[in-house]
Amino acid sequence: MNRWAARYGYEKTGREILDKAKKGNNGRYAAVNLMNYSTIEFRLFRGTLKHNTLIAALELVNEICDLAMHLTEDEIAKMSWSEFVETIEAPELIQYLKERSLYINEETNTEEDL
């Protein structure tokens, strides 16, 4: 896992994380690749052929990007998982999280239960 999706670790500020990521020895093989000037590559996910899993992954990246663009660094650092989940409106992502008991706001039935 470290070879294909290593993590940068945690620093005190976003600028320190970015500097560490740019100078790190992971190169482009980090969980979030920041090596290219004009793109950000998310390497957090396993490969899948399941349509709903693929769409949920894309929706998660979109939600993360929305938060990064609209919240301050401090607001992001203080946000809990449950607060993040409350902001999600993407239907495939909500269903995906519910099926894996990661959507803590309400109970759900999985496909097997139906």
PDB file of N, CA and C in Angstrom:
ATOM      1  N   MET A   1       0.822  -1.192   0.000  1.00  0.00           N
ATOM      2  CA  MET A   1       0.000   0.000   0.000  1.00  0.00           C
ATOM      3  C   MET A   1       0.869   1.259   0.000  1.00  0.00           C
ATOM      4  N   ASN A   2       1.946   1.277   0.764  1.00  0.00           N
ATOM      5  CA  ASN A   2       2.808   2.449   0.784  1.00  0.00           C
ATOM      6  C   ASN A   2       3.414   2.744  -0.578  1.00  0.00           C
ATOM      7  N   ARG A   3       3.602   1.704  -1.371  1.00  0.00           N
ATOM      8  CA  ARG A   3       4.192   1.927  -2.688  1.00  0.00           C
ATOM      9  C   ARG A   3       3.220   2.642  -3.619  1.00  0.00           C
ATOM     10  N   TRP A   4       1.920   2.319  -3.550  1.00  0.00           N
ATOM     11  CA  TRP A   4       0.951   2.843  -4.515  1.00  0.00           C
ATOM     12  C   TRP A   4       0.087   3.966  -3.979  1.00  0.00           C
ATOM     13  N   ALA A   5      -0.072   4.076  -2.687  1.00  0.00           N
ATOM     14  CA  ALA A   5      -0.923   5.140  -2.138  1.00  0.00           C
ATOM     15  C   ALA A   5      -0.455   5.532  -0.742  1.00  0.00           C
ATOM     16  N   ALA A   6       0.777   5.969  -0.640  1.00  0.00           N
ATOM     17  CA  ALA A   6       1.337   6.374   0.647  1.00  0.00           C
ATOM     18  C   ALA A   6       0.658   7.660   1.121  1.00  0.00           C
ATOM     19  N   ARG A   7       0.746   7.918   2.413  1.00  0.00           N
ATOM     20  CA  ARG A   7       0.169   9.130   2.980  1.00  0.00           C
ATOM     21  C   ARG A   7       1.287  10.084   3.339  1.00  0.00           C
ATOM     22  N   TYR A   8       0.969  11.365   3.350  1.00  0.00           N
ATOM     23  CA  TYR A   8       1.970  12.376   3.668  1.00  0.00           C
ATOM     24  C   TYR A   8       2.176  12.536   5.161  1.00  0.00           C
ATOM     25  N   GLY A   9       1.229  12.105   5.949  1.00  0.00           N
ATOM     26  CA  GLY A   9       1.309  12.337   7.388  1.00  0.00           C
ATOM     27  C   GLY A   9       0.610  13.633   7.730  1.00  0.00           C
ATOM     28  N   TYR A  10       0.686  14.045   8.972  1.00  0.00           N
ATOM     29  CA  TYR A  10      -0.026  15.242   9.401  1.00  0.00           C
ATOM     30  C   TYR A  10       0.968  16.291   9.865  1.00  0.00           C
ATOM     31  N   GLU A  11       0.783  17.478   9.386  1.00  0.00           N
ATOM     32  CA  GLU A  11       1.567  18.636   9.822  1.00  0.00           C
ATOM     33  C   GLU A  11       0.588  19.654  10.397  1.00  0.00           C
ATOM     34  N   LYS A  12       1.101  20.730  10.988  1.00  0.00           N
ATOM     35  CA  LYS A  12       0.234  21.685  11.674  1.00  0.00           C
ATOM     36  C   LYS A  12      -0.580  22.565  10.728  1.00  0.00           C
ATOM     37  N   THR A  13      -0.048  22.883   9.572  1.00  0.00           N
ATOM     38  CA  THR A  13      -0.780  23.751   8.640  1.00  0.00           C
ATOM     39  C   THR A  13      -0.853  23.102   7.269  1.00  0.00           C
ATOM     40  N   GLY A  14      -1.808  23.583   6.500  1.00  0.00           N
ATOM     41  CA  GLY A  14      -1.941  23.102   5.131  1.00  0.00           C
ATOM     42  C   GLY A  14      -0.698  23.373   4.297  1.00  0.00           C
ATOM     43  N   ARG A  15      -0.071  24.530   4.523  1.00  0.00           N
ATOM     44  CA  ARG A  15       1.154  24.885   3.785  1.00  0.00           C
ATOM     45  C   ARG A  15       2.274  23.885   4.106  1.00  0.00           C
ATOM     46  N   GLU A  16       2.399  23.485   5.370  1.00  0.00           N
ATOM     47  CA  GLU A  16       3.426  22.510   5.747  1.00  0.00           C
ATOM     48  C   GLU A  16       3.156  21.156   5.106  1.00  0.00           C
ATOM     49  N   ILE A  17       1.882  20.741   5.047  1.00  0.00           N
ATOM     50  CA  ILE A  17       1.527  19.477   4.394  1.00  0.00           C
ATOM     51  C   ILE A  17       1.871  19.547   2.917  1.00  0.00           C
ATOM     52  N   LEU A  18       1.531  20.670   2.263  1.00  0.00           N
ATOM     53  CA  LEU A  18       1.822  20.833   0.841  1.00  0.00           C
ATOM     54  C   LEU A  18       3.322  20.811   0.588  1.00  0.00           C
ATOM     55  N   ASP A  19       4.092  21.534   1.403  1.00  0.00           N
ATOM     56  CA  ASP A  19       5.550  21.540   1.238  1.00  0.00           C
ATOM     57  C   ASP A  19       6.129  20.145   1.414  1.00  0.00           C
ATOM     58  N   LYS A  20       5.656  19.420   2.420  1.00  0.00           N
ATOM     59  CA  LYS A  20       6.125  18.055   2.655  1.00  0.00           C
ATOM     60  C   LYS A  20       5.766  17.154   1.473  1.00  0.00           C
ATOM     61  N   ALA A  21       4.554  17.322   0.938  1.00  0.00           N
ATOM     62  CA  ALA A  21       4.107  16.508  -0.191  1.00  0.00           C
ATOM     63  C   ALA A  21       4.950  16.780  -1.428  1.00  0.00           C
ATOM     64  N   LYS A  22       5.255  18.039  -1.684  1.00  0.00           N
ATOM     65  CA  LYS A  22       6.034  18.402  -2.868  1.00  0.00           C
ATOM     66  C   LYS A  22       7.481  17.917  -2.761  1.00  0.00           C
ATOM     67  N   LYS A  23       8.025  17.875  -1.546  1.00  0.00           N
ATOM     68  CA  LYS A  23       9.414  17.485  -1.343  1.00  0.00           C
ATOM     69  C   LYS A  23       9.573  16.026  -0.943  1.00  0.00           C
ATOM     70  N   GLY A  24       8.441  15.351  -0.709  1.00  0.00           N
ATOM     71  CA  GLY A  24       8.479  13.978  -0.202  1.00  0.00           C
ATOM     72  C   GLY A  24       9.080  12.999  -1.184  1.00  0.00           C
ATOM     73  N   ASN A  25       9.442  11.849  -0.671  1.00  0.00           N
ATOM     74  CA  ASN A  25      10.055  10.829  -1.507  1.00  0.00           C
ATOM     75  C   ASN A  25       9.027   9.873  -2.101  1.00  0.00           C
ATOM     76  N   ASN A  26       7.743  10.128  -1.885  1.00  0.00           N
ATOM     77  CA  ASN A  26       6.704   9.276  -2.461  1.00  0.00           C
ATOM     78  C   ASN A  26       6.490   9.561  -3.935  1.00  0.00           C
ATOM     79  N   GLY A  27       6.923  10.735  -4.379  1.00  0.00           N
ATOM     80  CA  GLY A  27       6.702  11.105  -5.762  1.00  0.00           C
ATOM     81  C   GLY A  27       5.226  11.132  -6.078  1.00  0.00           C
ATOM     82  N   ARG A  28       4.862  10.593  -7.199  1.00  0.00           N
ATOM     83  CA  ARG A  28       3.452  10.600  -7.586  1.00  0.00           C
ATOM     84  C   ARG A  28       2.665   9.484  -6.931  1.00  0.00           C
ATOM     85  N   TYR A  29       3.310   8.582  -6.223  1.00  0.00           N
ATOM     86  CA  TYR A  29       2.635   7.434  -5.612  1.00  0.00           C
ATOM     87  C   TYR A  29       2.216   7.733  -4.177  1.00  0.00           C
ATOM     88  N   ALA A  30       1.470   8.793  -4.000  1.00  0.00           N
ATOM     89  CA  ALA A  30       0.937   9.157  -2.697  1.00  0.00           C
ATOM     90  C   ALA A  30      -0.587   9.088  -2.763  1.00  0.00           C
ATOM     91  N   ALA A  31      -1.232   9.001  -1.619  1.00  0.00           N
ATOM     92  CA  ALA A  31      -2.691   8.901  -1.580  1.00  0.00           C
ATOM     93  C   ALA A  31      -3.343  10.067  -2.313  1.00  0.00           C
ATOM     94  N   VAL A  32      -2.776  11.249  -2.162  1.00  0.00           N
ATOM     95  CA  VAL A  32      -3.188  12.415  -2.937  1.00  0.00           C
ATOM     96  C   VAL A  32      -1.926  12.961  -3.587  1.00  0.00           C
ATOM     97  N   ASN A  33      -1.832  12.797  -4.901  1.00  0.00           N
ATOM     98  CA  ASN A  33      -0.645  13.188  -5.645  1.00  0.00           C
ATOM     99  C   ASN A  33      -0.718  14.670  -5.979  1.00  0.00           C
ATOM    100  N   LEU A  34       0.220  15.431  -5.439  1.00  0.00           N
ATOM    101  CA  LEU A  34       0.287  16.871  -5.679  1.00  0.00           C
ATOM    102  C   LEU A  34       1.501  17.260  -6.509  1.00  0.00           C
ATOM    103  N   MET A  35       2.146  16.292  -7.128  1.00  0.00           N
ATOM    104  CA  MET A  35       3.393  16.558  -7.836  1.00  0.00           C
ATOM    105  C   MET A  35       3.195  17.378  -9.115  1.00  0.00           C
ATOM    106  N   ASN A  36       2.082  17.222  -9.799  1.00  0.00           N
ATOM    107  CA  ASN A  36       1.830  17.974 -11.015  1.00  0.00           C
ATOM    108  C   ASN A  36       1.309  19.355 -10.643  1.00  0.00           C
ATOM    109  N   TYR A  37       1.782  20.373 -11.320  1.00  0.00           N
ATOM    110  CA  TYR A  37       1.403  21.741 -10.993  1.00  0.00           C
ATOM    111  C   TYR A  37      -0.085  22.009 -11.193  1.00  0.00           C
ATOM    112  N   SER A  38      -0.676  21.461 -12.230  1.00  0.00           N
ATOM    113  CA  SER A  38      -2.039  21.838 -12.587  1.00  0.00           C
ATOM    114  C   SER A  38      -3.109  20.804 -12.243  1.00  0.00           C
ATOM    115  N   THR A  39      -2.743  19.679 -11.621  1.00  0.00           N
ATOM    116  CA  THR A  39      -3.739  18.672 -11.282  1.00  0.00           C
ATOM    117  C   THR A  39      -3.504  18.108  -9.891  1.00  0.00           C
ATOM    118  N   ILE A  40      -4.544  17.520  -9.345  1.00  0.00           N
ATOM    119  CA  ILE A  40      -4.459  16.758  -8.099  1.00  0.00           C
ATOM    120  C   ILE A  40      -5.000  15.378  -8.421  1.00  0.00           C
ATOM    121  N   GLU A  41      -4.251  14.346  -8.085  1.00  0.00           N
ATOM    122  CA  GLU A  41      -4.664  12.966  -8.355  1.00  0.00           C
ATOM    123  C   GLU A  41      -4.997  12.277  -7.037  1.00  0.00           C
ATOM    124  N   PHE A  42      -6.209  11.744  -6.946  1.00  0.00           N
ATOM    125  CA  PHE A  42      -6.632  10.994  -5.772  1.00  0.00           C
ATOM    126  C   PHE A  42      -6.358   9.518  -6.019  1.00  0.00           C
ATOM    127  N   ARG A  43      -5.496   8.913  -5.187  1.00  0.00           N
ATOM    128  CA  ARG A  43      -5.137   7.507  -5.323  1.00  0.00           C
ATOM    129  C   ARG A  43      -5.609   6.741  -4.085  1.00  0.00           C
ATOM    130  N   LEU A  44      -6.797   7.055  -3.627  1.00  0.00           N
ATOM    131  CA  LEU A  44      -7.314   6.499  -2.386  1.00  0.00           C
ATOM    132  C   LEU A  44      -8.123   5.229  -2.562  1.00  0.00           C
ATOM    133  N   PHE A  45      -8.504   4.918  -3.787  1.00  0.00           N
ATOM    134  CA  PHE A  45      -9.510   3.896  -4.003  1.00  0.00           C
ATOM    135  C   PHE A  45      -8.945   2.648  -4.661  1.00  0.00           C
ATOM    136  N   ARG A  46      -9.559   1.519  -4.331  1.00  0.00           N
ATOM    137  CA  ARG A  46      -9.253   0.273  -5.024  1.00  0.00           C
ATOM    138  C   ARG A  46      -9.959   0.292  -6.365  1.00  0.00           C
ATOM    139  N   GLY A  47      -9.472  -0.506  -7.291  1.00  0.00           N
ATOM    140  CA  GLY A  47     -10.142  -0.625  -8.574  1.00  0.00           C
ATOM    141  C   GLY A  47     -11.470  -1.348  -8.417  1.00  0.00           C
ATOM    142  N   THR A  48     -12.420  -1.016  -9.280  1.00  0.00           N
ATOM    143  CA  THR A  48     -13.732  -1.653  -9.219  1.00  0.00           C
ATOM    144  C   THR A  48     -14.387  -1.632 -10.587  1.00  0.00           C
ATOM    145  N   LEU A  49     -15.252  -2.592 -10.814  1.00  0.00           N
ATOM    146  CA  LEU A  49     -16.093  -2.609 -12.003  1.00  0.00           C
ATOM    147  C   LEU A  49     -17.557  -2.368 -11.649  1.00  0.00           C
ATOM    148  N   LYS A  50     -17.833  -2.200 -10.340  1.00  0.00           N
ATOM    149  CA  LYS A  50     -19.205  -1.957  -9.887  1.00  0.00           C
ATOM    150  C   LYS A  50     -19.569  -0.492 -10.141  1.00  0.00           C
ATOM    151  N   HIS A  51     -20.633  -0.295 -10.885  1.00  0.00           N
ATOM    152  CA  HIS A  51     -21.045   1.057 -11.261  1.00  0.00           C
ATOM    153  C   HIS A  51     -21.291   1.943 -10.039  1.00  0.00           C
ATOM    154  N   ASN A  52     -22.068   1.440  -9.066  1.00  0.00           N
ATOM    155  CA  ASN A  52     -22.393   2.285  -7.909  1.00  0.00           C
ATOM    156  C   ASN A  52     -21.158   2.632  -7.072  1.00  0.00           C
ATOM    157  N   THR A  53     -20.178   1.725  -7.000  1.00  0.00           N
ATOM    158  CA  THR A  53     -18.948   2.008  -6.256  1.00  0.00           C
ATOM    159  C   THR A  53     -18.124   3.074  -6.973  1.00  0.00           C
ATOM    160  N   LEU A  54     -18.034   2.981  -8.276  1.00  0.00           N
ATOM    161  CA  LEU A  54     -17.304   3.978  -9.062  1.00  0.00           C
ATOM    162  C   LEU A  54     -17.940   5.357  -8.915  1.00  0.00           C
ATOM    163  N   ILE A  55     -19.255   5.420  -9.046  1.00  0.00           N
ATOM    164  CA  ILE A  55     -19.954   6.701  -8.916  1.00  0.00           C
ATOM    165  C   ILE A  55     -19.804   7.258  -7.502  1.00  0.00           C
ATOM    166  N   ALA A  56     -19.890   6.408  -6.496  1.00  0.00           N
ATOM    167  CA  ALA A  56     -19.719   6.851  -5.107  1.00  0.00           C
ATOM    168  C   ALA A  56     -18.314   7.421  -4.887  1.00  0.00           C
ATOM    169  N   ALA A  57     -17.298   6.800  -5.475  1.00  0.00           N
ATOM    170  CA  ALA A  57     -15.924   7.306  -5.346  1.00  0.00           C
ATOM    171  C   ALA A  57     -15.798   8.679  -5.990  1.00  0.00           C
ATOM    172  N   LEU A  58     -16.391   8.846  -7.158  1.00  0.00           N
ATOM    173  CA  LEU A  58     -16.353  10.151  -7.834  1.00  0.00           C
ATOM    174  C   LEU A  58     -17.100  11.207  -7.019  1.00  0.00           C
ATOM    175  N   GLU A  59     -18.229  10.824  -6.450  1.00  0.00           N
ATOM    176  CA  GLU A  59     -18.982  11.756  -5.624  1.00  0.00           C
ATOM    177  C   GLU A  59     -18.219  12.129  -4.354  1.00  0.00           C
ATOM    178  N   LEU A  60     -17.486  11.178  -3.777  1.00  0.00           N
ATOM    179  CA  LEU A  60     -16.678  11.477  -2.588  1.00  0.00           C
ATOM    180  C   LEU A  60     -15.581  12.482  -2.926  1.00  0.00           C
ATOM    181  N   VAL A  61     -14.894  12.276  -4.032  1.00  0.00           N
ATOM    182  CA  VAL A  61     -13.854  13.220  -4.446  1.00  0.00           C
ATOM    183  C   VAL A  61     -14.468  14.598  -4.675  1.00  0.00           C
ATOM    184  N   ASN A  62     -15.640  14.642  -5.297  1.00  0.00           N
ATOM    185  CA  ASN A  62     -16.321  15.918  -5.523  1.00  0.00           C
ATOM    186  C   ASN A  62     -16.660  16.604  -4.199  1.00  0.00           C
ATOM    187  N   GLU A  63     -17.143  15.844  -3.224  1.00  0.00           N
ATOM    188  CA  GLU A  63     -17.467  16.414  -1.908  1.00  0.00           C
ATOM    189  C   GLU A  63     -16.209  16.957  -1.225  1.00  0.00           C
ATOM    190  N   ILE A  64     -15.107  16.213  -1.317  1.00  0.00           N
ATOM    191  CA  ILE A  64     -13.841  16.659  -0.719  1.00  0.00           C
ATOM    192  C   ILE A  64     -13.373  17.953  -1.371  1.00  0.00           C
ATOM    193  N   CYS A  65     -13.462  18.013  -2.688  1.00  0.00           N
ATOM    194  CA  CYS A  65     -13.044  19.221  -3.419  1.00  0.00           C
ATOM    195  C   CYS A  65     -13.922  20.415  -3.054  1.00  0.00           C
ATOM    196  N   ASP A  66     -15.229  20.185  -2.938  1.00  0.00           N
ATOM    197  CA  ASP A  66     -16.133  21.270  -2.545  1.00  0.00           C
ATOM    198  C   ASP A  66     -15.760  21.826  -1.178  1.00  0.00           C
ATOM    199  N   LEU A  67     -15.488  20.944  -0.231  1.00  0.00           N
ATOM    200  CA  LEU A  67     -15.078  21.408   1.102  1.00  0.00           C
ATOM    201  C   LEU A  67     -13.774  22.184   1.039  1.00  0.00           C
ATOM    202  N   ALA A  68     -12.825  21.683   0.272  1.00  0.00           N
ATOM    203  CA  ALA A  68     -11.522  22.349   0.168  1.00  0.00           C
ATOM    204  C   ALA A  68     -11.654  23.753  -0.428  1.00  0.00           C
ATOM    205  N   MET A  69     -12.607  23.924  -1.330  1.00  0.00           N
ATOM    206  CA  MET A  69     -12.776  25.235  -1.970  1.00  0.00           C
ATOM    207  C   MET A  69     -13.594  26.206  -1.124  1.00  0.00           C
ATOM    208  N   HIS A  70     -14.471  25.703  -0.262  1.00  0.00           N
ATOM    209  CA  HIS A  70     -15.393  26.588   0.440  1.00  0.00           C
ATOM    210  C   HIS A  70     -15.113  26.776   1.927  1.00  0.00           C
ATOM    211  N   LEU A  71     -14.278  25.944   2.513  1.00  0.00           N
ATOM    212  CA  LEU A  71     -13.982  26.074   3.941  1.00  0.00           C
ATOM    213  C   LEU A  71     -12.547  26.542   4.150  1.00  0.00           C
ATOM    214  N   THR A  72     -12.305  27.135   5.299  1.00  0.00           N
ATOM    215  CA  THR A  72     -10.941  27.525   5.641  1.00  0.00           C
ATOM    216  C   THR A  72     -10.178  26.294   6.144  1.00  0.00           C
ATOM    217  N   GLU A  73      -8.900  26.450   6.243  1.00  0.00           N
ATOM    218  CA  GLU A  73      -8.053  25.373   6.759  1.00  0.00           C
ATOM    219  C   GLU A  73      -8.471  24.961   8.166  1.00  0.00           C
ATOM    220  N   ASP A  74      -8.760  25.933   9.014  1.00  0.00           N
ATOM    221  CA  ASP A  74      -9.183  25.644  10.392  1.00  0.00           C
ATOM    222  C   ASP A  74     -10.529  24.939  10.438  1.00  0.00           C
ATOM    223  N   GLU A  75     -11.463  25.349   9.582  1.00  0.00           N
ATOM    224  CA  GLU A  75     -12.775  24.707   9.547  1.00  0.00           C
ATOM    225  C   GLU A  75     -12.663  23.245   9.128  1.00  0.00           C
ATOM    226  N   ILE A  76     -11.801  22.980   8.168  1.00  0.00           N
ATOM    227  CA  ILE A  76     -11.587  21.596   7.728  1.00  0.00           C
ATOM    228  C   ILE A  76     -10.953  20.773   8.840  1.00  0.00           C
ATOM    229  N   ALA A  77      -9.961  21.335   9.512  1.00  0.00           N
ATOM    230  CA  ALA A  77      -9.261  20.613  10.578  1.00  0.00           C
ATOM    231  C   ALA A  77     -10.191  20.277  11.743  1.00  0.00           C
ATOM    232  N   LYS A  78     -11.177  21.123  11.996  1.00  0.00           N
ATOM    233  CA  LYS A  78     -12.100  20.910  13.109  1.00  0.00           C
ATOM    234  C   LYS A  78     -13.284  20.019  12.747  1.00  0.00           C
ATOM    235  N   MET A  79     -13.480  19.739  11.461  1.00  0.00           N
ATOM    236  CA  MET A  79     -14.650  18.979  11.026  1.00  0.00           C
ATOM    237  C   MET A  79     -14.528  17.507  11.397  1.00  0.00           C
ATOM    238  N   SER A  80     -15.580  16.970  11.969  1.00  0.00           N
ATOM    239  CA  SER A  80     -15.621  15.548  12.299  1.00  0.00           C
ATOM    240  C   SER A  80     -16.209  14.778  11.117  1.00  0.00           C
ATOM    241  N   TRP A  81     -16.112  13.447  11.177  1.00  0.00           N
ATOM    242  CA  TRP A  81     -16.693  12.613  10.124  1.00  0.00           C
ATOM    243  C   TRP A  81     -18.199  12.826  10.050  1.00  0.00           C
ATOM    244  N   SER A  82     -18.865  12.851  11.196  1.00  0.00           N
ATOM    245  CA  SER A  82     -20.324  13.013  11.184  1.00  0.00           C
ATOM    246  C   SER A  82     -20.728  14.373  10.616  1.00  0.00           C
ATOM    247  N   GLU A  83     -19.958  15.410  10.883  1.00  0.00           N
ATOM    248  CA  GLU A  83     -20.242  16.716  10.292  1.00  0.00           C
ATOM    249  C   GLU A  83     -20.047  16.688   8.773  1.00  0.00           C
ATOM    250  N   PHE A  84     -19.013  15.988   8.325  1.00  0.00           N
ATOM    251  CA  PHE A  84     -18.771  15.852   6.891  1.00  0.00           C
ATOM    252  C   PHE A  84     -19.920  15.096   6.223  1.00  0.00           C
ATOM    253  N   VAL A  85     -20.342  14.002   6.830  1.00  0.00           N
ATOM    254  CA  VAL A  85     -21.404  13.180   6.257  1.00  0.00           C
ATOM    255  C   VAL A  85     -22.710  13.969   6.167  1.00  0.00           C
ATOM    256  N   GLU A  86     -22.965  14.849   7.126  1.00  0.00           N
ATOM    257  CA  GLU A  86     -24.184  15.664   7.101  1.00  0.00           C
ATOM    258  C   GLU A  86     -24.253  16.574   5.884  1.00  0.00           C
ATOM    259  N   THR A  87     -23.103  16.938   5.319  1.00  0.00           N
ATOM    260  CA  THR A  87     -23.084  17.850   4.168  1.00  0.00           C
ATOM    261  C   THR A  87     -23.318  17.129   2.841  1.00  0.00           C
ATOM    262  N   ILE A  88     -23.232  15.813   2.829  1.00  0.00           N
ATOM    263  CA  ILE A  88     -23.316  15.050   1.591  1.00  0.00           C
ATOM    264  C   ILE A  88     -24.758  14.973   1.099  1.00  0.00           C
ATOM    265  N   GLU A  89     -24.936  15.261  -0.192  1.00  0.00           N
ATOM    266  CA  GLU A  89     -26.245  15.146  -0.822  1.00  0.00           C
ATOM    267  C   GLU A  89     -26.218  14.170  -1.992  1.00  0.00           C
ATOM    268  N   ALA A  90     -25.053  13.659  -2.356  1.00  0.00           N
ATOM    269  CA  ALA A  90     -24.905  12.765  -3.500  1.00  0.00           C
ATOM    270  C   ALA A  90     -25.535  11.405  -3.198  1.00  0.00           C
ATOM    271  N   PRO A  91     -26.543  10.997  -3.967  1.00  0.00           N
ATOM    272  CA  PRO A  91     -27.309   9.788  -3.627  1.00  0.00           C
ATOM    273  C   PRO A  91     -26.509   8.488  -3.657  1.00  0.00           C
ATOM    274  N   GLU A  92     -25.676   8.283  -4.649  1.00  0.00           N
ATOM    275  CA  GLU A  92     -24.892   7.041  -4.713  1.00  0.00           C
ATOM    276  C   GLU A  92     -23.915   6.953  -3.551  1.00  0.00           C
ATOM    277  N   LEU A  93     -23.300   8.071  -3.205  1.00  0.00           N
ATOM    278  CA  LEU A  93     -22.350   8.088  -2.087  1.00  0.00           C
ATOM    279  C   LEU A  93     -23.067   7.819  -0.770  1.00  0.00           C
ATOM    280  N   ILE A  94     -24.222   8.416  -0.575  1.00  0.00           N
ATOM    281  CA  ILE A  94     -24.988   8.173   0.649  1.00  0.00           C
ATOM    282  C   ILE A  94     -25.340   6.692   0.759  1.00  0.00           C
ATOM    283  N   GLN A  95     -25.834   6.100  -0.315  1.00  0.00           N
ATOM    284  CA  GLN A  95     -26.193   4.682  -0.293  1.00  0.00           C
ATOM    285  C   GLN A  95     -24.967   3.814  -0.010  1.00  0.00           C
ATOM    286  N   TYR A  96     -23.836   4.130  -0.640  1.00  0.00           N
ATOM    287  CA  TYR A  96     -22.586   3.393  -0.440  1.00  0.00           C
ATOM    288  C   TYR A  96     -22.173   3.446   1.035  1.00  0.00           C
ATOM    289  N   LEU A  97     -22.221   4.625   1.618  1.00  0.00           N
ATOM    290  CA  LEU A  97     -21.836   4.783   3.026  1.00  0.00           C
ATOM    291  C   LEU A  97     -22.802   4.070   3.955  1.00  0.00           C
ATOM    292  N   LYS A  98     -24.094   4.103   3.625  1.00  0.00           N
ATOM    293  CA  LYS A  98     -25.088   3.409   4.442  1.00  0.00           C
ATOM    294  C   LYS A  98     -24.860   1.900   4.421  1.00  0.00           C
ATOM    295  N   GLU A  99     -24.584   1.349   3.257  1.00  0.00           N
ATOM    296  CA  GLU A  99     -24.364  -0.098   3.131  1.00  0.00           C
ATOM    297  C   GLU A  99     -23.164  -0.569   3.931  1.00  0.00           C
ATOM    298  N   ARG A 100     -22.225   0.330   4.186  1.00  0.00           N
ATOM    299  CA  ARG A 100     -21.020  -0.015   4.936  1.00  0.00           C
ATOM    300  C   ARG A 100     -21.039   0.548   6.353  1.00  0.00           C
ATOM    301  N   SER A 101     -22.194   0.975   6.802  1.00  0.00           N
ATOM    302  CA  SER A 101     -22.399   1.538   8.150  1.00  0.00           C
ATOM    303  C   SER A 101     -21.468   2.716   8.438  1.00  0.00           C
ATOM    304  N   LEU A 102     -21.234   3.533   7.413  1.00  0.00           N
ATOM    305  CA  LEU A 102     -20.410   4.729   7.568  1.00  0.00           C
ATOM    306  C   LEU A 102     -21.245   6.001   7.542  1.00  0.00           C
ATOM    307  N   TYR A 103     -22.500   5.856   7.189  1.00  0.00           N
ATOM    308  CA  TYR A 103     -23.440   6.967   7.194  1.00  0.00           C
ATOM    309  C   TYR A 103     -24.224   6.846   8.483  1.00  0.00           C
ATOM    310  N   ILE A 104     -23.839   7.625   9.473  1.00  0.00           N
ATOM    311  CA  ILE A 104     -24.319   7.390  10.834  1.00  0.00           C
ATOM    312  C   ILE A 104     -25.621   8.092  11.156  1.00  0.00           C
ATOM    313  N   ASN A 105     -26.209   8.786  10.184  1.00  0.00           N
ATOM    314  CA  ASN A 105     -27.404   9.575  10.478  1.00  0.00           C
ATOM    315  C   ASN A 105     -28.675   8.757  10.573  1.00  0.00           C
ATOM    316  N   GLU A 106     -28.746   7.616   9.868  1.00  0.00           N
ATOM    317  CA  GLU A 106     -29.968   6.815   9.908  1.00  0.00           C
ATOM    318  C   GLU A 106     -29.688   5.373   9.505  1.00  0.00           C
ATOM    319  N   GLU A 107     -30.620   4.503   9.841  1.00  0.00           N
ATOM    320  CA  GLU A 107     -30.511   3.090   9.492  1.00  0.00           C
ATOM    321  C   GLU A 107     -30.864   2.894   8.010  1.00  0.00           C
ATOM    322  N   THR A 108     -30.384   1.790   7.437  1.00  0.00           N
ATOM    323  CA  THR A 108     -30.692   1.479   6.049  1.00  0.00           C
ATOM    324  C   THR A 108     -30.768  -0.013   5.836  1.00  0.00           C
ATOM    325  N   ASN A 109     -31.411  -0.428   4.772  1.00  0.00           N
ATOM    326  CA  ASN A 109     -31.427  -1.817   4.354  1.00  0.00           C
ATOM    327  C   ASN A 109     -30.444  -1.988   3.206  1.00  0.00           C
ATOM    328  N   THR A 110     -29.643  -3.030   3.271  1.00  0.00           N
ATOM    329  CA  THR A 110     -28.733  -3.326   2.167  1.00  0.00           C
ATOM    330  C   THR A 110     -29.478  -4.133   1.125  1.00  0.00           C
ATOM    331  N   GLU A 111     -28.843  -4.351  -0.026  1.00  0.00           N
ATOM    332  CA  GLU A 111     -29.475  -5.104  -1.096  1.00  0.00           C
ATOM    333  C   GLU A 111     -29.828  -6.520  -0.640  1.00  0.00           C
ATOM    334  N   GLU A 112     -29.023  -7.109   0.228  1.00  0.00           N
ATOM    335  CA  GLU A 112     -29.259  -8.451   0.717  1.00  0.00           C
ATOM    336  C   GLU A 112     -30.518  -8.532   1.571  1.00  0.00           C
ATOM    337  N   ASP A 113     -30.865  -7.424   2.257  1.00  0.00           N
ATOM    338  CA  ASP A 113     -32.022  -7.396   3.155  1.00  0.00           C
ATOM    339  C   ASP A 113     -33.342  -7.277   2.396  1.00  0.00           C
ATOM    340  N   LEU A 114     -33.276  -6.814   1.155  1.00  0.00           N
ATOM    341  CA  LEU A 114     -34.508  -6.576   0.403  1.00  0.00           C
ATOM    342  C   LEU A 114     -35.142  -7.812  -0.121  1.00  0.00           C
TER     343      LEU A 114
END
